[in-house]
Amino acid sequence: MSDWVKWLLLGLLSIAFGIFVLGAPVVASIAVTVVTGVLLLISGVLQVVGGFTVEGTGNKILSFIMGAVMLFLGWSFLDNPLEGTLTLATVVLILFMAGGIARIFLSFQMRGTSFFWPTLISGILSIILAGIIWSYAAEEPAVLFQLLGILLGIEMLFNGFGLVFMAFFVKNAPNETTEAKEA
């Protein structure tokens, strides 16, 4: 099987899963929370184990504290996945807002360059998106249960389309280089 076909199949699979995830965003959100919980548990154990190998009392204490926090969060997400989903969705909402604010401040440092307007608009759009999500969540808190699943589904669709386009690029790349050499 040629490389471009592998990329195409992977892209189509990502699109299919993206559609599936968008069809069941609450289930996908809870799955994201469970996976996050498992990864936090693994990271917490590794952090605690790593605390025994670091030099200095302060580093050891910090490593143990960070490991304990990760273990607590991981266990909390796995023990209460619905509450964990709300927590993660709220964190995503805060990150959208903070990222938007940061890009707006950054854009003013780019004033006079071609990057000013795209960075400013990107920041404003992130804040608007956070505001829209916040307003929906204020009216209907169940929206937050769907947020992670919707974002995951959209990302899977974008990733899938990107892989499909890359597959066709890889398929046509040898032909384009051959044509360029002949010209």
N, C-alpha and C. Protein backbone atom coordinates (compact mmCIF):
# COMPACT_ATOMS: atom_id res chain seq x y z
N MET A 1 0.85 -1.17 0.00
CA MET A 1 0.00 0.00 0.00
C MET A 1 0.90 1.24 0.00
N SER A 2 0.63 2.16 -0.89
CA SER A 2 1.48 3.35 -0.99
C SER A 2 1.20 4.32 0.15
N ASP A 3 2.16 5.20 0.37
CA ASP A 3 2.07 6.14 1.49
C ASP A 3 0.84 7.03 1.40
N TRP A 4 0.53 7.51 0.21
CA TRP A 4 -0.58 8.45 0.10
C TRP A 4 -1.90 7.77 0.46
N VAL A 5 -2.03 6.49 0.16
CA VAL A 5 -3.25 5.76 0.50
C VAL A 5 -3.36 5.62 2.03
N LYS A 6 -2.24 5.38 2.69
CA LYS A 6 -2.25 5.29 4.16
C LYS A 6 -2.70 6.62 4.76
N TRP A 7 -2.17 7.73 4.25
CA TRP A 7 -2.58 9.05 4.76
C TRP A 7 -4.06 9.30 4.48
N LEU A 8 -4.51 8.89 3.31
CA LEU A 8 -5.91 9.08 2.94
C LEU A 8 -6.82 8.28 3.88
N LEU A 9 -6.47 7.02 4.13
CA LEU A 9 -7.28 6.19 5.02
C LEU A 9 -7.29 6.75 6.44
N LEU A 10 -6.13 7.21 6.89
CA LEU A 10 -6.06 7.80 8.23
C LEU A 10 -6.92 9.06 8.31
N GLY A 11 -6.88 9.86 7.26
CA GLY A 11 -7.71 11.07 7.22
C GLY A 11 -9.19 10.75 7.21
N LEU A 12 -9.59 9.77 6.40
CA LEU A 12 -11.00 9.38 6.36
C LEU A 12 -11.46 8.78 7.69
N LEU A 13 -10.57 8.04 8.33
CA LEU A 13 -10.89 7.48 9.65
C LEU A 13 -11.08 8.61 10.68
N SER A 14 -10.21 9.61 10.63
CA SER A 14 -10.33 10.74 11.54
C SER A 14 -11.63 11.50 11.29
N ILE A 15 -12.01 11.68 10.03
CA ILE A 15 -13.27 12.34 9.71
C ILE A 15 -14.45 11.53 10.24
N ALA A 16 -14.40 10.22 10.04
CA ALA A 16 -15.49 9.35 10.51
C ALA A 16 -15.62 9.43 12.04
N PHE A 17 -14.49 9.36 12.74
CA PHE A 17 -14.54 9.46 14.20
C PHE A 17 -14.99 10.86 14.64
N GLY A 18 -14.58 11.88 13.90
CA GLY A 18 -15.03 13.23 14.22
C GLY A 18 -16.54 13.36 14.13
N ILE A 19 -17.12 12.77 13.10
CA ILE A 19 -18.58 12.78 12.94
C ILE A 19 -19.23 11.99 14.07
N PHE A 20 -18.65 10.84 14.41
CA PHE A 20 -19.17 10.03 15.51
C PHE A 20 -19.12 10.80 16.82
N VAL A 21 -18.01 11.47 17.10
CA VAL A 21 -17.85 12.23 18.34
C VAL A 21 -18.85 13.38 18.38
N LEU A 22 -19.05 14.06 17.25
CA LEU A 22 -20.02 15.16 17.23
C LEU A 22 -21.44 14.65 17.42
N GLY A 23 -21.68 13.40 17.08
CA GLY A 23 -22.99 12.81 17.30
C GLY A 23 -23.25 12.45 18.75
N ALA A 24 -22.20 12.31 19.54
CA ALA A 24 -22.34 11.97 20.97
C ALA A 24 -21.32 12.78 21.78
N PRO A 25 -21.48 14.11 21.82
CA PRO A 25 -20.46 14.94 22.47
C PRO A 25 -20.35 14.73 23.98
N VAL A 26 -21.45 14.38 24.64
CA VAL A 26 -21.37 14.17 26.09
C VAL A 26 -20.53 12.93 26.40
N VAL A 27 -20.77 11.86 25.65
CA VAL A 27 -19.99 10.63 25.84
C VAL A 27 -18.51 10.90 25.56
N ALA A 28 -18.25 11.65 24.50
CA ALA A 28 -16.87 11.97 24.16
C ALA A 28 -16.23 12.84 25.23
N SER A 29 -16.99 13.78 25.79
CA SER A 29 -16.46 14.64 26.86
C SER A 29 -16.08 13.82 28.08
N ILE A 30 -16.93 12.89 28.44
CA ILE A 30 -16.64 12.04 29.59
C ILE A 30 -15.44 11.14 29.30
N ALA A 31 -15.33 10.66 28.06
CA ALA A 31 -14.16 9.85 27.67
C ALA A 31 -12.88 10.67 27.79
N VAL A 32 -12.94 11.93 27.37
CA VAL A 32 -11.77 12.82 27.49
C VAL A 32 -11.40 12.98 28.96
N THR A 33 -12.40 13.12 29.81
CA THR A 33 -12.16 13.27 31.24
C THR A 33 -11.52 12.01 31.83
N VAL A 34 -12.00 10.84 31.43
CA VAL A 34 -11.45 9.59 31.95
C VAL A 34 -10.00 9.42 31.48
N VAL A 35 -9.74 9.71 30.21
CA VAL A 35 -8.37 9.61 29.69
C VAL A 35 -7.46 10.60 30.43
N THR A 36 -7.96 11.80 30.65
CA THR A 36 -7.19 12.80 31.39
C THR A 36 -6.90 12.30 32.81
N GLY A 37 -7.89 11.69 33.45
CA GLY A 37 -7.69 11.15 34.79
C GLY A 37 -6.61 10.08 34.82
N VAL A 38 -6.65 9.18 33.85
CA VAL A 38 -5.64 8.11 33.79
C VAL A 38 -4.26 8.72 33.56
N LEU A 39 -4.16 9.68 32.64
CA LEU A 39 -2.86 10.30 32.37
C LEU A 39 -2.35 11.07 33.58
N LEU A 40 -3.25 11.72 34.32
CA LEU A 40 -2.83 12.41 35.54
C LEU A 40 -2.33 11.43 36.60
N LEU A 41 -3.00 10.28 36.72
CA LEU A 41 -2.53 9.26 37.67
C LEU A 41 -1.13 8.77 37.29
N ILE A 42 -0.93 8.47 36.03
CA ILE A 42 0.38 8.00 35.57
C ILE A 42 1.44 9.08 35.80
N SER A 43 1.11 10.32 35.45
CA SER A 43 2.05 11.43 35.65
C SER A 43 2.36 11.64 37.12
N GLY A 44 1.33 11.51 37.97
CA GLY A 44 1.54 11.67 39.41
C GLY A 44 2.47 10.62 39.98
N VAL A 45 2.28 9.37 39.57
CA VAL A 45 3.16 8.30 40.04
C VAL A 45 4.59 8.57 39.57
N LEU A 46 4.75 8.93 38.31
CA LEU A 46 6.10 9.21 37.79
C LEU A 46 6.73 10.41 38.49
N GLN A 47 5.93 11.41 38.80
CA GLN A 47 6.44 12.59 39.49
C GLN A 47 6.92 12.23 40.91
N VAL A 48 6.13 11.42 41.61
CA VAL A 48 6.53 11.00 42.96
C VAL A 48 7.79 10.14 42.90
N VAL A 49 7.83 9.18 41.97
CA VAL A 49 9.02 8.34 41.82
C VAL A 49 10.22 9.21 41.46
N GLY A 50 10.01 10.17 40.57
CA GLY A 50 11.10 11.07 40.19
C GLY A 50 11.57 11.93 41.35
N GLY A 51 10.69 12.17 42.31
CA GLY A 51 11.07 12.96 43.48
C GLY A 51 12.17 12.31 44.30
N PHE A 52 12.29 10.99 44.22
CA PHE A 52 13.35 10.31 44.96
C PHE A 52 14.71 10.46 44.29
N THR A 53 14.72 10.87 43.02
CA THR A 53 15.99 10.93 42.29
C THR A 53 16.53 12.34 42.14
N VAL A 54 15.72 13.37 42.43
CA VAL A 54 16.19 14.75 42.21
C VAL A 54 17.09 15.18 43.35
N GLU A 55 17.94 16.14 43.07
CA GLU A 55 18.87 16.69 44.05
C GLU A 55 18.21 17.83 44.81
N GLY A 56 18.50 17.97 46.04
CA GLY A 56 18.04 19.10 46.84
C GLY A 56 16.71 18.84 47.53
N THR A 57 16.62 19.29 48.76
CA THR A 57 15.41 19.08 49.55
C THR A 57 14.22 19.83 48.95
N GLY A 58 14.44 21.06 48.51
CA GLY A 58 13.35 21.85 47.91
C GLY A 58 12.78 21.19 46.67
N ASN A 59 13.65 20.67 45.82
CA ASN A 59 13.20 19.99 44.60
C ASN A 59 12.43 18.72 44.93
N LYS A 60 12.90 18.00 45.94
CA LYS A 60 12.21 16.78 46.35
C LYS A 60 10.80 17.11 46.84
N ILE A 61 10.70 18.11 47.71
CA ILE A 61 9.40 18.49 48.26
C ILE A 61 8.47 18.95 47.14
N LEU A 62 8.97 19.78 46.24
CA LEU A 62 8.16 20.26 45.12
C LEU A 62 7.70 19.10 44.24
N SER A 63 8.59 18.16 43.99
CA SER A 63 8.24 17.00 43.16
C SER A 63 7.16 16.16 43.84
N PHE A 64 7.30 15.94 45.13
CA PHE A 64 6.29 15.17 45.86
C PHE A 64 4.94 15.88 45.90
N ILE A 65 4.96 17.17 46.09
CA ILE A 65 3.70 17.95 46.12
C ILE A 65 3.03 17.91 44.76
N MET A 66 3.80 18.14 43.70
CA MET A 66 3.23 18.09 42.34
C MET A 66 2.67 16.70 42.04
N GLY A 67 3.41 15.67 42.43
CA GLY A 67 2.94 14.30 42.22
C GLY A 67 1.65 14.04 42.98
N ALA A 68 1.57 14.51 44.21
CA ALA A 68 0.36 14.32 45.02
C ALA A 68 -0.83 15.05 44.40
N VAL A 69 -0.60 16.26 43.90
CA VAL A 69 -1.68 17.02 43.26
C VAL A 69 -2.17 16.29 42.01
N MET A 70 -1.24 15.80 41.21
CA MET A 70 -1.63 15.06 40.00
C MET A 70 -2.39 13.78 40.35
N LEU A 71 -1.93 13.07 41.37
CA LEU A 71 -2.62 11.86 41.80
C LEU A 71 -4.04 12.19 42.30
N PHE A 72 -4.16 13.27 43.08
CA PHE A 72 -5.47 13.68 43.57
C PHE A 72 -6.40 14.04 42.42
N LEU A 73 -5.92 14.85 41.47
CA LEU A 73 -6.75 15.25 40.33
C LEU A 73 -7.14 14.04 39.48
N GLY A 74 -6.18 13.17 39.21
CA GLY A 74 -6.47 11.98 38.41
C GLY A 74 -7.52 11.11 39.08
N TRP A 75 -7.35 10.88 40.37
CA TRP A 75 -8.33 10.07 41.11
C TRP A 75 -9.69 10.75 41.13
N SER A 76 -9.68 12.06 41.31
CA SER A 76 -10.93 12.83 41.34
C SER A 76 -11.66 12.73 40.00
N PHE A 77 -10.94 12.85 38.90
CA PHE A 77 -11.56 12.76 37.57
C PHE A 77 -12.14 11.36 37.33
N LEU A 78 -11.43 10.34 37.80
CA LEU A 78 -11.92 8.98 37.59
C LEU A 78 -13.05 8.63 38.54
N ASP A 79 -13.01 9.18 39.75
CA ASP A 79 -14.05 8.89 40.74
C ASP A 79 -15.35 9.63 40.43
N ASN A 80 -15.24 10.84 39.89
CA ASN A 80 -16.41 11.67 39.55
C ASN A 80 -16.25 12.23 38.14
N PRO A 81 -16.45 11.41 37.11
CA PRO A 81 -16.19 11.89 35.75
C PRO A 81 -17.09 13.05 35.31
N LEU A 82 -18.32 13.12 35.81
CA LEU A 82 -19.19 14.24 35.42
C LEU A 82 -18.67 15.55 35.99
N GLU A 83 -18.29 15.54 37.26
CA GLU A 83 -17.71 16.75 37.85
C GLU A 83 -16.38 17.09 37.19
N GLY A 84 -15.60 16.06 36.86
CA GLY A 84 -14.34 16.28 36.16
C GLY A 84 -14.54 16.90 34.80
N THR A 85 -15.60 16.48 34.11
CA THR A 85 -15.92 17.06 32.80
C THR A 85 -16.25 18.53 32.94
N LEU A 86 -17.04 18.88 33.93
CA LEU A 86 -17.36 20.29 34.17
C LEU A 86 -16.09 21.09 34.50
N THR A 87 -15.21 20.49 35.29
CA THR A 87 -13.96 21.17 35.63
C THR A 87 -13.10 21.41 34.40
N LEU A 88 -12.93 20.36 33.59
CA LEU A 88 -12.11 20.51 32.38
C LEU A 88 -12.72 21.51 31.40
N ALA A 89 -14.04 21.47 31.25
CA ALA A 89 -14.70 22.41 30.34
C ALA A 89 -14.53 23.84 30.83
N THR A 90 -14.60 24.04 32.13
CA THR A 90 -14.40 25.37 32.69
C THR A 90 -12.96 25.83 32.47
N VAL A 91 -12.02 24.92 32.62
CA VAL A 91 -10.62 25.26 32.37
C VAL A 91 -10.43 25.65 30.90
N VAL A 92 -11.05 24.92 29.98
CA VAL A 92 -10.96 25.25 28.55
C VAL A 92 -11.54 26.64 28.30
N LEU A 93 -12.66 26.93 28.91
CA LEU A 93 -13.29 28.25 28.77
C LEU A 93 -12.35 29.34 29.27
N ILE A 94 -11.73 29.13 30.42
CA ILE A 94 -10.79 30.11 30.96
C ILE A 94 -9.58 30.26 30.04
N LEU A 95 -9.10 29.15 29.48
CA LEU A 95 -7.96 29.22 28.57
C LEU A 95 -8.29 29.98 27.29
N PHE A 96 -9.52 29.81 26.76
CA PHE A 96 -9.93 30.60 25.60
C PHE A 96 -9.88 32.09 25.92
N MET A 97 -10.42 32.46 27.08
CA MET A 97 -10.44 33.86 27.48
C MET A 97 -9.02 34.39 27.70
N ALA A 98 -8.22 33.64 28.46
CA ALA A 98 -6.85 34.07 28.75
C ALA A 98 -6.01 34.15 27.48
N GLY A 99 -6.16 33.17 26.60
CA GLY A 99 -5.42 33.19 25.34
C GLY A 99 -5.81 34.37 24.48
N GLY A 100 -7.09 34.69 24.46
CA GLY A 100 -7.56 35.85 23.70
C GLY A 100 -6.99 37.15 24.24
N ILE A 101 -7.03 37.30 25.55
CA ILE A 101 -6.48 38.51 26.18
C ILE A 101 -4.98 38.62 25.91
N ALA A 102 -4.28 37.51 26.05
CA ALA A 102 -2.83 37.52 25.80
C ALA A 102 -2.51 37.89 24.36
N ARG A 103 -3.29 37.37 23.39
CA ARG A 103 -3.03 37.72 21.98
C ARG A 103 -3.35 39.18 21.69
N ILE A 104 -4.33 39.74 22.36
CA ILE A 104 -4.62 41.16 22.16
C ILE A 104 -3.45 42.01 22.66
N PHE A 105 -2.94 41.70 23.87
CA PHE A 105 -1.79 42.43 24.38
C PHE A 105 -0.58 42.24 23.45
N LEU A 106 -0.37 41.03 22.98
CA LEU A 106 0.73 40.74 22.08
C LEU A 106 0.59 41.51 20.77
N SER A 107 -0.64 41.64 20.29
CA SER A 107 -0.84 42.32 19.01
C SER A 107 -0.38 43.77 19.07
N PHE A 108 -0.55 44.42 20.24
CA PHE A 108 -0.13 45.82 20.35
C PHE A 108 1.38 45.96 20.37
N GLN A 109 2.07 44.90 20.70
CA GLN A 109 3.53 44.91 20.60
C GLN A 109 3.96 44.72 19.14
N MET A 110 3.03 44.25 18.31
CA MET A 110 3.32 44.03 16.89
C MET A 110 2.80 45.16 16.02
N ARG A 111 2.32 46.23 16.64
CA ARG A 111 1.77 47.35 15.86
C ARG A 111 2.80 47.82 14.84
N GLY A 112 2.33 48.07 13.65
CA GLY A 112 3.20 48.51 12.57
C GLY A 112 3.73 47.36 11.72
N THR A 113 3.42 46.12 12.12
CA THR A 113 3.85 44.98 11.31
C THR A 113 2.62 44.34 10.66
N SER A 114 2.87 43.42 9.76
CA SER A 114 1.76 42.74 9.09
C SER A 114 1.07 41.73 10.01
N PHE A 115 1.63 41.49 11.18
CA PHE A 115 1.06 40.52 12.12
C PHE A 115 0.07 41.14 13.10
N PHE A 116 0.00 42.47 13.12
CA PHE A 116 -0.86 43.15 14.10
C PHE A 116 -2.31 42.74 13.97
N TRP A 117 -2.91 42.95 12.80
CA TRP A 117 -4.34 42.70 12.64
C TRP A 117 -4.72 41.23 12.80
N PRO A 118 -3.98 40.30 12.19
CA PRO A 118 -4.37 38.89 12.40
C PRO A 118 -4.30 38.48 13.87
N THR A 119 -3.27 38.95 14.58
CA THR A 119 -3.14 38.59 16.00
C THR A 119 -4.25 39.24 16.82
N LEU A 120 -4.55 40.50 16.54
CA LEU A 120 -5.63 41.19 17.25
C LEU A 120 -6.97 40.53 17.00
N ILE A 121 -7.26 40.22 15.75
CA ILE A 121 -8.54 39.58 15.41
C ILE A 121 -8.63 38.20 16.04
N SER A 122 -7.54 37.45 16.04
CA SER A 122 -7.52 36.14 16.66
C SER A 122 -7.84 36.24 18.15
N GLY A 123 -7.26 37.21 18.82
CA GLY A 123 -7.53 37.40 20.24
C GLY A 123 -8.97 37.79 20.51
N ILE A 124 -9.49 38.69 19.69
CA ILE A 124 -10.89 39.12 19.86
C ILE A 124 -11.84 37.95 19.62
N LEU A 125 -11.56 37.14 18.60
CA LEU A 125 -12.42 35.98 18.32
C LEU A 125 -12.40 34.96 19.46
N SER A 126 -11.23 34.76 20.08
CA SER A 126 -11.16 33.83 21.21
C SER A 126 -12.01 34.33 22.38
N ILE A 127 -11.96 35.64 22.63
CA ILE A 127 -12.76 36.21 23.72
C ILE A 127 -14.25 36.11 23.39
N ILE A 128 -14.60 36.36 22.14
CA ILE A 128 -16.01 36.23 21.73
C ILE A 128 -16.47 34.78 21.89
N LEU A 129 -15.64 33.83 21.46
CA LEU A 129 -15.98 32.40 21.60
C LEU A 129 -16.17 32.05 23.08
N ALA A 130 -15.27 32.50 23.94
CA ALA A 130 -15.41 32.24 25.37
C ALA A 130 -16.68 32.87 25.90
N GLY A 131 -17.01 34.07 25.44
CA GLY A 131 -18.25 34.74 25.88
C GLY A 131 -19.50 33.99 25.44
N ILE A 132 -19.48 33.49 24.21
CA ILE A 132 -20.63 32.73 23.71
C ILE A 132 -20.81 31.45 24.53
N ILE A 133 -19.72 30.74 24.76
CA ILE A 133 -19.80 29.51 25.56
C ILE A 133 -20.28 29.84 26.97
N TRP A 134 -19.74 30.89 27.56
CA TRP A 134 -20.14 31.29 28.91
C TRP A 134 -21.62 31.63 28.98
N SER A 135 -22.12 32.35 27.98
CA SER A 135 -23.53 32.74 28.01
C SER A 135 -24.44 31.52 27.86
N TYR A 136 -24.06 30.59 26.99
CA TYR A 136 -24.84 29.36 26.86
C TYR A 136 -24.78 28.54 28.15
N ALA A 137 -23.60 28.48 28.75
CA ALA A 137 -23.43 27.70 29.98
C ALA A 137 -24.21 28.32 31.13
N ALA A 138 -24.33 29.65 31.15
CA ALA A 138 -25.09 30.31 32.21
C ALA A 138 -26.57 29.96 32.10
N GLU A 139 -27.07 29.88 30.87
CA GLU A 139 -28.48 29.54 30.66
C GLU A 139 -28.72 28.04 30.83
N GLU A 140 -27.82 27.25 30.31
CA GLU A 140 -27.98 25.79 30.34
C GLU A 140 -26.63 25.16 30.68
N PRO A 141 -26.36 24.87 31.95
CA PRO A 141 -25.06 24.33 32.35
C PRO A 141 -24.67 23.02 31.65
N ALA A 142 -25.64 22.29 31.13
CA ALA A 142 -25.33 21.03 30.44
C ALA A 142 -24.49 21.26 29.19
N VAL A 143 -24.45 22.51 28.71
CA VAL A 143 -23.62 22.83 27.54
C VAL A 143 -22.15 22.49 27.84
N LEU A 144 -21.74 22.70 29.08
CA LEU A 144 -20.35 22.40 29.42
C LEU A 144 -20.04 20.92 29.31
N PHE A 145 -21.05 20.06 29.51
CA PHE A 145 -20.83 18.62 29.36
C PHE A 145 -20.53 18.27 27.90
N GLN A 146 -21.00 19.07 26.97
CA GLN A 146 -20.81 18.80 25.55
C GLN A 146 -19.57 19.48 24.98
N LEU A 147 -19.07 20.50 25.67
CA LEU A 147 -18.00 21.33 25.12
C LEU A 147 -16.77 20.53 24.70
N LEU A 148 -16.24 19.72 25.57
CA LEU A 148 -15.02 18.97 25.24
C LEU A 148 -15.24 18.04 24.06
N GLY A 149 -16.40 17.37 24.03
CA GLY A 149 -16.71 16.49 22.91
C GLY A 149 -16.83 17.23 21.60
N ILE A 150 -17.49 18.39 21.63
CA ILE A 150 -17.63 19.19 20.41
C ILE A 150 -16.26 19.65 19.92
N LEU A 151 -15.43 20.15 20.83
CA LEU A 151 -14.09 20.59 20.42
C LEU A 151 -13.26 19.43 19.89
N LEU A 152 -13.35 18.27 20.53
CA LEU A 152 -12.63 17.09 20.04
C LEU A 152 -13.13 16.68 18.66
N GLY A 153 -14.45 16.68 18.46
CA GLY A 153 -15.01 16.31 17.16
C GLY A 153 -14.57 17.26 16.06
N ILE A 154 -14.59 18.56 16.36
CA ILE A 154 -14.16 19.55 15.37
C ILE A 154 -12.68 19.36 15.04
N GLU A 155 -11.86 19.14 16.07
CA GLU A 155 -10.43 18.92 15.83
C GLU A 155 -10.21 17.67 14.98
N MET A 156 -10.97 16.62 15.25
CA MET A 156 -10.82 15.39 14.46
C MET A 156 -11.22 15.62 13.00
N LEU A 157 -12.26 16.41 12.78
CA LEU A 157 -12.65 16.74 11.40
C LEU A 157 -11.56 17.54 10.71
N PHE A 158 -11.06 18.59 11.37
CA PHE A 158 -9.99 19.40 10.78
C PHE A 158 -8.75 18.55 10.50
N ASN A 159 -8.39 17.71 11.46
CA ASN A 159 -7.24 16.83 11.29
C ASN A 159 -7.47 15.89 10.11
N GLY A 160 -8.66 15.32 10.02
CA GLY A 160 -8.98 14.40 8.93
C GLY A 160 -8.89 15.05 7.57
N PHE A 161 -9.49 16.25 7.44
CA PHE A 161 -9.42 16.95 6.17
C PHE A 161 -7.97 17.32 5.83
N GLY A 162 -7.20 17.72 6.84
CA GLY A 162 -5.79 18.03 6.60
C GLY A 162 -5.02 16.82 6.10
N LEU A 163 -5.30 15.65 6.69
CA LEU A 163 -4.62 14.42 6.25
C LEU A 163 -5.05 14.01 4.85
N VAL A 164 -6.32 14.19 4.52
CA VAL A 164 -6.80 13.87 3.17
C VAL A 164 -6.10 14.77 2.15
N PHE A 165 -6.03 16.06 2.44
CA PHE A 165 -5.36 16.99 1.52
C PHE A 165 -3.88 16.65 1.39
N MET A 166 -3.26 16.27 2.52
CA MET A 166 -1.85 15.89 2.47
C MET A 166 -1.67 14.63 1.64
N ALA A 167 -2.61 13.69 1.75
CA ALA A 167 -2.51 12.45 0.97
C ALA A 167 -2.50 12.76 -0.53
N PHE A 168 -3.39 13.63 -0.96
CA PHE A 168 -3.43 13.97 -2.38
C PHE A 168 -2.20 14.76 -2.79
N PHE A 169 -1.65 15.56 -1.87
CA PHE A 169 -0.41 16.28 -2.17
C PHE A 169 0.73 15.28 -2.35
N VAL A 170 0.82 14.30 -1.44
CA VAL A 170 1.87 13.29 -1.54
C VAL A 170 1.70 12.48 -2.81
N LYS A 171 0.47 12.18 -3.18
CA LYS A 171 0.21 11.41 -4.40
C LYS A 171 0.69 12.17 -5.64
N ASN A 172 0.45 13.47 -5.66
CA ASN A 172 0.78 14.27 -6.84
C ASN A 172 2.18 14.86 -6.79
N ALA A 173 2.86 14.80 -5.65
CA ALA A 173 4.18 15.42 -5.51
C ALA A 173 5.20 14.90 -6.51
N PRO A 174 5.33 13.59 -6.73
CA PRO A 174 6.33 13.14 -7.71
C PRO A 174 6.02 13.66 -9.12
N ASN A 175 4.74 13.75 -9.47
CA ASN A 175 4.38 14.23 -10.79
C ASN A 175 4.74 15.69 -10.95
N GLU A 176 4.54 16.49 -9.91
CA GLU A 176 4.82 17.91 -10.00
C GLU A 176 6.32 18.15 -10.11
N THR A 177 7.13 17.38 -9.37
CA THR A 177 8.59 17.57 -9.48
C THR A 177 9.08 17.12 -10.83
N THR A 178 8.48 16.06 -11.40
CA THR A 178 8.88 15.60 -12.73
C THR A 178 8.52 16.65 -13.78
N GLU A 179 7.33 17.22 -13.66
CA GLU A 179 6.91 18.25 -14.60
C GLU A 179 7.78 19.49 -14.50
N ALA A 180 8.20 19.84 -13.27
CA ALA A 180 9.04 21.01 -13.08
C ALA A 180 10.42 20.79 -13.70
N LYS A 181 10.94 19.56 -13.65
CA LYS A 181 12.24 19.27 -14.23
C LYS A 181 12.18 19.33 -15.75
N GLU A 182 11.04 18.90 -16.32
CA GLU A 182 10.91 18.88 -17.78
C GLU A 182 10.78 20.29 -18.34
N ALA A 183 10.24 21.22 -17.55
CA ALA A 183 10.00 22.59 -18.03
C ALA A 183 11.25 23.40 -18.00
